[in-house]
């Protein structure tokens, strides 16, 4: 005796296990994102950012977009967050609570974030209103499918984005070197005069500095 399989219609009132997992992971990711932007400890913000980006990777996996999920893990979690942590360590950022982490524009930032979120939700819902992803079927976001779609239909925007990122990188290097040169040119450290007169610059021709350099050379010879 053979039982005919009856198709169960999809709907919001009859979610599947994958859809429930997607909702739960989304709530955790949303909470981690809120903690990231509200905490005053920079290291904690970076660690919560790892949770947020990891949650997004799990969401991509649940949407059968495995290529985007692994790109999210390798580039954002594995590179951007590690670079951020190295930047915090090299700049000797405060480990505990930092008052500088709050600019005082919380309400303005909240208004802009709410407006951007509302616009994004409206655009996505309006564009994919009649689209339904079969999460239990054949994966539609594999590396092969994504590569074919990217380099056949979106190759020109992809290359334009690459050139834009390269230009931004070169611009950042030029601006940083210019700022460093300006800071070096405007800095003029001075030492107080023993007689109470105005200080004199401690340049390369300063007698005190020359004397200290000679003493250092003598210690090196010894």
Protein backbone atom coordinates (compact mmCIF):
# COMPACT_ATOMS: atom_id res chain seq x y z
CA UNK A 1 0.00 0.00 0.00
CA UNK A 2 1.42 3.32 -1.08
CA UNK A 3 0.65 6.58 0.66
CA UNK A 4 0.52 9.65 -1.55
CA UNK A 5 2.55 12.54 -0.27
CA UNK A 6 0.44 15.60 0.25
CA UNK A 7 2.04 18.97 -0.36
CA UNK A 8 1.89 21.23 2.65
CA UNK A 9 1.44 24.87 1.62
CA UNK A 10 4.05 27.28 2.90
CA UNK A 11 2.98 30.14 5.08
CA UNK A 12 3.87 32.28 8.05
CA UNK A 13 1.50 30.30 10.29
CA UNK A 14 3.14 26.97 9.47
CA UNK A 15 6.90 27.56 9.70
CA UNK A 16 9.41 24.80 9.16
CA UNK A 17 12.31 23.95 11.43
CA UNK A 18 14.76 25.86 9.24
CA UNK A 19 12.56 28.96 9.35
CA UNK A 20 12.32 28.80 13.14
CA UNK A 21 16.11 28.44 13.38
CA UNK A 22 16.48 31.40 11.01
CA UNK A 23 14.26 33.53 13.25
CA UNK A 24 16.09 32.56 16.45
CA UNK A 25 19.53 33.18 14.95
CA UNK A 26 18.27 36.51 13.62
CA UNK A 27 17.15 37.58 17.09
CA UNK A 28 20.54 36.64 18.58
CA UNK A 29 22.34 38.51 15.79
CA UNK A 30 20.16 41.58 16.29
CA UNK A 31 20.85 41.57 20.04
CA UNK A 32 24.60 41.23 19.48
CA UNK A 33 24.51 44.14 17.02
CA UNK A 34 22.73 46.32 19.59
CA UNK A 35 25.33 45.49 22.24
CA UNK A 36 28.11 46.24 19.72
CA UNK A 37 26.95 49.81 19.15
CA UNK A 38 25.89 50.56 22.73
CA UNK A 39 28.76 49.22 24.82
CA UNK A 40 31.48 51.64 25.97
CA UNK A 41 34.23 49.02 26.07
CA UNK A 42 36.02 48.84 22.73
CA UNK A 43 37.30 45.30 23.15
CA UNK A 44 33.83 44.05 24.10
CA UNK A 45 32.41 45.85 21.06
CA UNK A 46 34.90 44.02 18.81
CA UNK A 47 34.02 40.65 20.36
CA UNK A 48 30.29 41.27 20.04
CA UNK A 49 30.94 42.24 16.42
CA UNK A 50 32.36 38.73 15.94
CA UNK A 51 29.07 37.29 17.24
CA UNK A 52 27.09 39.56 14.92
CA UNK A 53 29.05 38.64 11.81
CA UNK A 54 29.02 34.96 12.77
CA UNK A 55 25.24 35.10 13.13
CA UNK A 56 24.98 36.58 9.65
CA UNK A 57 27.10 33.73 8.31
CA UNK A 58 24.72 31.22 9.92
CA UNK A 59 21.78 33.05 8.34
CA UNK A 60 23.41 32.72 4.92
CA UNK A 61 23.91 29.01 5.49
CA UNK A 62 20.25 28.61 6.40
CA UNK A 63 19.36 30.43 3.17
CA UNK A 64 21.47 27.84 1.25
CA UNK A 65 24.00 30.55 0.30
CA UNK A 66 27.06 28.62 1.44
CA UNK A 67 29.55 30.62 -0.66
CA UNK A 68 28.44 33.95 0.85
CA UNK A 69 28.50 32.36 4.32
CA UNK A 70 32.13 31.27 4.03
CA UNK A 71 33.12 34.62 2.54
CA UNK A 72 31.49 36.25 5.56
CA UNK A 73 33.51 34.06 7.93
CA UNK A 74 36.87 34.29 6.14
CA UNK A 75 36.85 37.99 5.25
CA UNK A 76 34.82 39.70 7.95
CA UNK A 77 35.22 37.46 10.99
CA UNK A 78 38.70 36.21 10.11
CA UNK A 79 40.21 39.43 8.74
CA UNK A 80 38.32 42.60 9.55
CA UNK A 81 37.72 41.80 13.22
CA UNK A 82 41.31 40.59 13.72
CA UNK A 83 42.56 43.80 12.08
CA UNK A 84 40.30 45.80 14.40
CA UNK A 85 41.69 44.01 17.47
CA UNK A 86 45.27 44.58 16.31
CA UNK A 87 44.44 48.26 15.82
CA UNK A 88 43.12 48.46 19.37
CA UNK A 89 46.28 46.86 20.72
CA UNK A 90 48.71 48.93 18.66
CA UNK A 91 47.00 52.21 19.51
CA UNK A 92 46.92 51.30 23.20
CA UNK A 93 43.17 51.82 23.40
CA UNK A 94 41.68 51.62 26.91
CA UNK A 95 40.65 48.11 27.90
CA UNK A 96 37.90 49.13 30.35
CA UNK A 97 35.02 51.56 29.99
CA UNK A 98 35.95 54.53 27.86
CA UNK A 99 34.00 57.83 28.07
CA UNK A 100 35.23 58.69 24.58
CA UNK A 101 33.20 55.81 23.13
CA UNK A 102 30.01 57.87 23.44
CA UNK A 103 29.75 60.99 21.30
CA UNK A 104 26.52 62.19 22.90
CA UNK A 105 24.56 61.88 19.64
CA UNK A 106 22.69 58.73 20.59
CA UNK A 107 19.25 60.06 19.63
CA UNK A 108 20.44 61.33 16.26
CA UNK A 109 22.19 58.02 15.57
CA UNK A 110 19.07 56.10 16.65
CA UNK A 111 16.89 58.18 14.33
CA UNK A 112 19.19 57.64 11.35
CA UNK A 113 19.50 53.90 12.08
CA UNK A 114 15.71 53.48 12.38
CA UNK A 115 15.13 55.38 9.13
CA UNK A 116 17.76 53.32 7.29
CA UNK A 117 16.35 50.05 8.66
CA UNK A 118 12.80 51.00 7.66
CA UNK A 119 13.93 51.94 4.15
CA UNK A 120 15.91 48.71 3.78
CA UNK A 121 13.01 46.55 4.97
CA UNK A 122 10.59 48.34 2.66
CA UNK A 123 12.89 47.91 -0.38
CA UNK A 124 13.55 44.21 0.31
CA UNK A 125 9.89 43.37 0.97
CA UNK A 126 8.75 45.28 -2.11
CA UNK A 127 11.37 43.62 -4.34
CA UNK A 128 10.93 40.03 -3.09
CA UNK A 129 7.27 40.05 -2.11
CA UNK A 130 6.36 37.10 -4.32
CA UNK A 131 9.68 35.24 -3.99
CA UNK A 132 9.84 32.08 -1.88
CA UNK A 133 13.09 30.28 -1.16
CA UNK A 134 12.80 26.53 -0.80
CA UNK A 135 15.13 25.96 2.14
CA UNK A 136 14.64 22.19 2.02
CA UNK A 137 15.36 21.84 -1.71
CA UNK A 138 18.45 22.05 -3.89
CA UNK A 139 20.98 24.63 -2.62
CA UNK A 140 20.79 27.73 -4.81
CA UNK A 141 23.79 29.59 -3.41
CA UNK A 142 26.65 27.18 -4.03
CA UNK A 143 30.05 28.36 -5.20
CA UNK A 144 29.39 27.29 -8.79
CA UNK A 145 26.02 29.01 -9.06
CA UNK A 146 27.28 32.19 -7.40
CA UNK A 147 30.40 32.31 -9.58
CA UNK A 148 28.43 31.84 -12.79
CA UNK A 149 25.96 34.56 -11.82
CA UNK A 150 28.69 36.95 -10.69
CA UNK A 151 31.07 36.65 -13.64
CA UNK A 152 28.40 36.36 -16.32
CA UNK A 153 25.81 38.94 -15.29
CA UNK A 154 27.63 41.21 -12.81
CA UNK A 155 31.24 41.22 -14.00
CA UNK A 156 31.31 44.95 -14.86
CA UNK A 157 29.97 46.15 -11.46
CA UNK A 158 32.33 43.68 -9.77
CA UNK A 159 35.38 45.13 -11.54
CA UNK A 160 34.17 48.70 -10.92
CA UNK A 161 33.90 47.94 -7.22
CA UNK A 162 37.43 46.51 -7.23
CA UNK A 163 38.81 49.70 -8.80
CA UNK A 164 36.85 51.81 -6.29
CA UNK A 165 38.28 49.87 -3.33
CA UNK A 166 41.80 50.19 -4.76
CA UNK A 167 41.35 53.96 -5.15
CA UNK A 168 40.07 54.21 -1.57
CA UNK A 169 43.12 52.28 -0.31
CA UNK A 170 45.57 54.52 -2.20
CA UNK A 171 43.72 57.63 -1.00
CA UNK A 172 43.87 56.48 2.60
CA UNK A 173 47.64 55.92 2.33
CA UNK A 174 48.20 59.35 0.76
CA UNK A 175 46.09 61.14 3.37
CA UNK A 176 47.80 59.37 6.27
CA UNK A 177 51.29 60.21 4.97
CA UNK A 178 50.28 63.84 4.38
CA UNK A 179 48.85 64.17 7.88
CA UNK A 180 52.03 62.68 9.36
CA UNK A 181 54.21 65.10 7.38
CA UNK A 182 52.12 68.09 8.47
CA UNK A 183 52.31 67.01 12.11
CA UNK A 184 56.09 66.65 11.89
CA UNK A 185 56.50 70.06 10.26
CA UNK A 186 54.35 71.90 12.80
CA UNK A 187 55.85 70.22 15.89
CA UNK A 188 58.61 72.29 17.54
CA UNK A 189 59.49 71.01 21.01
CA UNK A 190 61.21 73.56 23.25
CA UNK A 191 63.19 73.30 26.47
CA UNK A 192 63.10 75.94 29.23
CA UNK A 193 66.04 78.33 29.47
CA UNK A 194 67.99 78.14 32.79
CA UNK A 195 68.18 81.96 32.94
CA UNK A 196 64.39 82.29 32.69
CA UNK A 197 64.36 83.48 29.10
CA UNK A 198 62.23 82.04 26.35
CA UNK A 199 62.84 78.38 25.55
CA UNK A 200 65.10 77.39 22.72
CA UNK A 201 64.31 74.64 20.17
CA UNK A 202 65.97 71.30 20.75
CA UNK A 203 67.09 70.75 17.20
CA UNK A 204 70.07 68.88 15.90
CA UNK A 205 72.37 71.84 16.68
CA UNK A 206 71.39 72.15 20.37
CA UNK A 207 74.44 71.91 22.71
CA UNK A 208 72.55 69.77 25.22
CA UNK A 209 71.47 67.31 22.60
CA UNK A 210 74.98 67.15 21.11
CA UNK A 211 76.45 66.53 24.56
CA UNK A 212 73.96 63.73 25.24
CA UNK A 213 74.71 62.16 21.86
CA UNK A 214 78.47 62.25 22.60
CA UNK A 215 77.91 60.62 25.99
CA UNK A 216 75.79 57.92 24.38
CA UNK A 217 78.54 57.23 21.84
CA UNK A 218 81.12 56.92 24.61
CA UNK A 219 78.91 54.46 26.47
CA UNK A 220 78.54 52.44 23.27
CA UNK A 221 82.33 52.30 22.80
CA UNK A 222 82.75 51.04 26.38
